[in-house]
Amino acid sequence: MTENGAVQDHYDTLLARHYVWMTGGWDRNIAHYNRFFSDHAIRPAGNGVALDLGAGCGFGSIALAGAGFRVFSVDLSQPMLDILKLAATNLPVITVHADILNFLAGCREEPELIACMGDTLTHLPDTGSVKRLVHQCSRTLQNGGTFIISFRDYSQEPAGSTAVIPVQRDPDRIFLCRLNYQDDLVRVTDILYSRTSGRWERISGTYHKLRISPHIISEIFTREGFQIRARKVQDGMVTLIGQKVP
């Protein structure tokens, strides 16, 4: 199985049905994106077309639609897109089941905004794929268009090579994440304990994420013709907002 295939299988079989819960719920996440887009004046200024790459269940897509964009939400996990479809009824959101790099290569839209946020960037297999992504986004965007990218910074290894992170819990579910740091990758093991009829059961799944530094991402942005107009680091998440320079 390819690394993309491993990530897709992990989301399809384990994460999709728990994702909204484990990330804090709809209201919290959509409010976060609404606030972010409002704070950075992200609103339609041209044709109103936005691409949400690695959209998942659609927190960002729904917020972009609420801001007035017509959104193409692209993801490799159909179960995640199915969740988005149910949540985005009557919103201008079109779901696309595709690999984001393949989608960009054949994209006929000319968006004024591309967003690639959350875990999407670190799901790419190597730095070369990141360069290809940024290049294709630069080619696809309108001149003066906006590219927003966010990713978790795994470049700094914690003390020891393994970290266990409590993600979410309620009386009947506990979700943990174990990170094993390797040279260029992090081996991620998601573990869910769930209680049914008084008995606890454990399921888990493993895949890899890319370790890439914010400095390298900034260099790639600049090389591909983006002027970085905002940079934010919060709780280990790095966000860059770039504008395509004509």
Protein backbone atom coordinates (compact mmCIF):
# COMPACT_ATOMS: atom_id res chain seq x y z
CA MET A 1 0.00 0.00 0.00
CA THR A 2 1.33 3.47 -0.84
CA GLU A 3 1.68 6.05 1.94
CA ASN A 4 -1.32 7.91 0.49
CA GLY A 5 -3.19 4.62 0.55
CA ALA A 6 -2.24 4.04 4.18
CA VAL A 7 -3.48 7.48 5.19
CA GLN A 8 -6.71 7.05 3.24
CA ASP A 9 -7.36 3.64 4.79
CA HIS A 10 -6.70 5.01 8.28
CA TYR A 11 -9.22 7.83 7.83
CA ASP A 12 -11.79 5.62 6.11
CA THR A 13 -11.72 2.82 8.68
CA LEU A 14 -10.92 4.58 11.97
CA LEU A 15 -10.87 8.36 12.07
CA ALA A 16 -13.86 9.38 9.95
CA ARG A 17 -16.59 8.19 12.30
CA HIS A 18 -14.90 9.82 15.32
CA TYR A 19 -13.26 12.87 13.75
CA VAL A 20 -15.80 15.56 14.65
CA TRP A 21 -15.89 14.35 18.26
CA MET A 22 -12.12 13.96 18.67
CA THR A 23 -11.45 17.48 17.36
CA GLY A 24 -13.95 19.16 19.67
CA GLY A 25 -17.22 19.26 17.73
CA TRP A 26 -18.77 21.29 14.91
CA ASP A 27 -19.44 24.52 16.77
CA ARG A 28 -15.93 24.89 18.15
CA ASN A 29 -14.16 24.13 14.88
CA ILE A 30 -16.34 26.23 12.59
CA ALA A 31 -16.10 29.13 15.04
CA HIS A 32 -12.30 28.78 14.91
CA TYR A 33 -12.26 28.99 11.11
CA ASN A 34 -14.81 31.81 11.02
CA ARG A 35 -12.66 33.82 13.41
CA PHE A 36 -9.48 33.10 11.44
CA PHE A 37 -10.96 34.11 8.09
CA SER A 38 -12.54 37.22 9.60
CA ASP A 39 -9.33 38.29 11.37
CA HIS A 40 -7.38 38.03 8.10
CA ALA A 41 -10.06 39.62 5.87
CA ILE A 42 -10.52 36.44 3.84
CA ARG A 43 -13.56 37.21 1.70
CA PRO A 44 -14.40 37.06 -2.02
CA ALA A 45 -12.87 39.83 -4.09
CA GLY A 46 -13.09 38.31 -7.57
CA ASN A 47 -14.87 35.26 -8.96
CA GLY A 48 -15.49 33.85 -5.47
CA VAL A 49 -14.04 30.41 -6.26
CA ALA A 50 -12.09 28.69 -3.47
CA LEU A 51 -10.37 25.30 -3.33
CA ASP A 52 -10.16 23.53 0.03
CA LEU A 53 -7.47 20.88 -0.38
CA GLY A 54 -7.66 18.02 2.09
CA ALA A 55 -11.03 19.35 3.20
CA GLY A 56 -11.89 16.35 5.37
CA CYS A 57 -15.29 16.72 7.02
CA GLY A 58 -15.34 20.36 6.03
CA PHE A 59 -14.86 22.73 8.94
CA GLY A 60 -12.90 25.13 6.72
CA SER A 61 -15.12 24.58 3.69
CA ILE A 62 -18.26 25.48 5.62
CA ALA A 63 -16.62 28.62 7.01
CA LEU A 64 -15.44 29.65 3.53
CA ALA A 65 -18.92 29.10 2.12
CA GLY A 66 -20.33 31.19 4.94
CA ALA A 67 -17.88 33.96 3.99
CA GLY A 68 -19.33 33.98 0.47
CA PHE A 69 -17.08 31.63 -1.50
CA ARG A 70 -18.13 28.85 -3.86
CA VAL A 71 -16.00 26.02 -2.51
CA PHE A 72 -14.56 22.93 -4.14
CA SER A 73 -13.75 20.58 -1.26
CA VAL A 74 -11.15 17.98 -2.27
CA ASP A 75 -10.24 14.95 -0.19
CA LEU A 76 -9.08 11.37 -0.64
CA SER A 77 -11.42 10.01 2.05
CA GLN A 78 -14.97 9.49 0.83
CA PRO A 79 -16.37 8.88 4.35
CA MET A 80 -15.03 12.28 5.43
CA LEU A 81 -16.59 13.93 2.38
CA ASP A 82 -19.89 12.19 3.13
CA ILE A 83 -19.89 13.89 6.55
CA LEU A 84 -19.26 17.22 4.82
CA LYS A 85 -22.11 16.67 2.36
CA LEU A 86 -24.58 16.18 5.20
CA ALA A 87 -23.32 19.24 7.06
CA ALA A 88 -23.17 21.55 4.04
CA THR A 89 -26.73 21.17 2.79
CA ASN A 90 -27.84 24.36 0.99
CA LEU A 91 -24.30 25.77 1.03
CA PRO A 92 -22.24 26.40 -2.16
CA VAL A 93 -19.90 23.47 -1.48
CA ILE A 94 -18.97 20.89 -4.12
CA THR A 95 -17.18 17.78 -2.84
CA VAL A 96 -14.48 16.16 -4.98
CA HIS A 97 -13.14 12.69 -4.16
CA ALA A 98 -9.56 12.89 -5.42
CA ASP A 99 -5.89 13.04 -4.54
CA ILE A 100 -5.12 16.74 -4.18
CA LEU A 101 -2.03 16.67 -6.43
CA ASN A 102 -3.89 14.83 -9.19
CA PHE A 103 -6.81 17.22 -8.85
CA LEU A 104 -4.59 20.28 -9.18
CA ALA A 105 -2.85 18.85 -12.24
CA GLY A 106 -6.18 18.74 -14.10
CA CYS A 107 -7.96 21.65 -12.43
CA ARG A 108 -9.89 23.89 -14.84
CA GLU A 109 -11.04 26.36 -12.22
CA GLU A 110 -9.20 29.64 -11.68
CA PRO A 111 -9.67 30.16 -7.95
CA GLU A 112 -8.95 33.35 -6.11
CA LEU A 113 -8.28 31.36 -2.94
CA ILE A 114 -6.70 28.01 -2.15
CA ALA A 115 -6.67 26.65 1.41
CA CYS A 116 -4.66 23.62 2.51
CA MET A 117 -5.09 23.49 6.27
CA GLY A 118 -5.01 21.06 9.17
CA ASP A 119 -3.02 17.85 8.70
CA THR A 120 -3.07 17.77 4.90
CA LEU A 121 0.47 19.01 4.21
CA THR A 122 2.10 16.52 6.58
CA HIS A 123 0.23 13.67 4.89
CA LEU A 124 2.36 14.21 1.79
CA PRO A 125 5.15 11.62 1.53
CA ASP A 126 8.19 13.88 1.10
CA THR A 127 9.48 17.41 0.60
CA GLY A 128 9.38 16.97 -3.17
CA SER A 129 5.62 16.48 -2.97
CA VAL A 130 5.31 19.67 -0.91
CA LYS A 131 7.23 21.58 -3.58
CA ARG A 132 4.95 20.11 -6.24
CA LEU A 133 1.86 21.13 -4.26
CA VAL A 134 2.97 24.73 -3.82
CA HIS A 135 4.03 24.94 -7.48
CA GLN A 136 0.68 23.64 -8.69
CA CYS A 137 -1.19 26.02 -6.40
CA SER A 138 0.83 28.92 -7.78
CA ARG A 139 0.06 27.82 -11.34
CA THR A 140 -3.67 27.39 -10.59
CA LEU A 141 -4.34 30.59 -8.62
CA GLN A 142 -5.34 33.86 -10.21
CA ASN A 143 -2.73 36.61 -10.09
CA GLY A 144 -3.08 38.31 -6.74
CA GLY A 145 -4.84 35.23 -5.35
CA THR A 146 -4.40 33.95 -1.82
CA PHE A 147 -2.89 30.65 -0.68
CA ILE A 148 -3.38 29.64 2.95
CA ILE A 149 -1.47 26.69 4.31
CA SER A 150 -1.27 25.34 7.84
CA PHE A 151 0.54 22.35 9.27
CA ARG A 152 1.78 20.93 12.52
CA ASP A 153 5.49 21.48 13.05
CA TYR A 154 7.08 18.10 13.77
CA SER A 155 10.61 19.32 12.94
CA GLN A 156 11.57 19.69 16.61
CA GLU A 157 11.82 16.33 18.32
CA PRO A 158 10.76 16.19 21.99
CA ALA A 159 12.96 14.65 24.67
CA GLY A 160 13.07 10.99 23.74
CA SER A 161 11.84 9.67 20.42
CA THR A 162 8.26 8.88 21.50
CA ALA A 163 5.40 11.06 22.73
CA VAL A 164 1.90 10.02 23.83
CA ILE A 165 -0.78 12.70 23.53
CA PRO A 166 -4.25 12.50 25.10
CA VAL A 167 -6.54 13.89 22.39
CA GLN A 168 -10.13 13.54 23.60
CA ARG A 169 -12.25 11.63 26.07
CA ASP A 170 -15.79 11.21 27.34
CA PRO A 171 -17.32 8.62 29.70
CA ASP A 172 -17.33 5.95 26.98
CA ARG A 173 -14.42 6.88 24.69
CA ILE A 174 -10.74 7.70 25.12
CA PHE A 175 -8.62 8.78 22.15
CA LEU A 176 -4.82 8.81 22.34
CA CYS A 177 -2.10 9.50 19.79
CA ARG A 178 1.41 8.03 19.98
CA LEU A 179 4.18 9.71 17.97
CA ASN A 180 7.44 7.94 17.15
CA TYR A 181 9.96 10.35 15.64
CA GLN A 182 12.11 9.09 12.76
CA ASP A 183 14.58 10.92 10.50
CA ASP A 184 12.16 12.62 8.09
CA LEU A 185 8.85 11.18 9.26
CA VAL A 186 6.73 10.72 12.35
CA ARG A 187 5.10 7.34 12.84
CA VAL A 188 1.60 8.09 14.15
CA THR A 189 -0.46 5.51 16.01
CA ASP A 190 -4.01 6.56 16.85
CA ILE A 191 -5.60 4.53 19.65
CA LEU A 192 -9.29 4.52 20.53
CA TYR A 193 -10.71 2.85 23.64
CA SER A 194 -14.50 2.57 23.56
CA ARG A 195 -16.95 1.08 26.04
CA THR A 196 -19.93 -0.89 24.76
CA SER A 197 -22.26 -2.82 27.08
CA GLY A 198 -19.86 -2.28 29.96
CA ARG A 199 -16.80 -3.68 28.18
CA TRP A 200 -13.84 -1.66 26.93
CA GLU A 201 -12.47 -2.37 23.47
CA ARG A 202 -9.32 -1.07 21.80
CA ILE A 203 -8.73 -0.31 18.13
CA SER A 204 -5.72 1.39 16.60
CA GLY A 205 -4.19 2.37 13.29
CA THR A 206 -0.79 3.59 12.13
CA TYR A 207 0.46 5.83 9.35
CA HIS A 208 3.22 8.40 8.80
CA LYS A 209 3.41 12.18 8.75
CA LEU A 210 6.11 14.34 7.23
CA ARG A 211 8.63 16.27 9.32
CA ILE A 212 9.31 19.58 7.56
CA SER A 213 10.40 22.87 9.08
CA PRO A 214 8.51 26.16 8.74
CA HIS A 215 11.69 27.72 7.33
CA ILE A 216 11.70 25.29 4.40
CA ILE A 217 8.00 25.92 3.72
CA SER A 218 8.61 29.67 3.71
CA GLU A 219 11.47 29.24 1.23
CA ILE A 220 9.26 27.14 -1.06
CA PHE A 221 6.52 29.78 -0.86
CA THR A 222 8.89 32.56 -1.87
CA ARG A 223 10.49 30.54 -4.65
CA GLU A 224 7.07 29.84 -6.19
CA GLY A 225 6.11 33.51 -6.36
CA PHE A 226 4.16 33.99 -3.13
CA GLN A 227 4.61 37.02 -0.94
CA ILE A 228 4.03 35.97 2.66
CA ARG A 229 1.64 38.50 4.17
CA ALA A 230 0.89 36.71 7.44
CA ARG A 231 2.59 34.09 9.56
CA LYS A 232 1.15 32.60 12.75
CA VAL A 233 2.36 29.93 15.16
CA GLN A 234 -0.01 28.66 17.84
CA ASP A 235 0.04 25.42 19.83
CA GLY A 236 2.49 23.83 17.40
CA MET A 237 0.42 24.74 14.32
CA VAL A 238 2.08 26.98 11.72
CA THR A 239 -0.07 29.02 9.35
CA LEU A 240 1.18 30.98 6.34
CA ILE A 241 -0.90 33.26 4.14
CA GLY A 242 0.69 33.96 0.77
CA GLN A 243 -0.37 36.21 -2.06
CA LYS A 244 0.53 35.30 -5.63
CA VAL A 245 2.66 38.07 -7.08
CA PRO A 246 1.94 38.75 -10.78
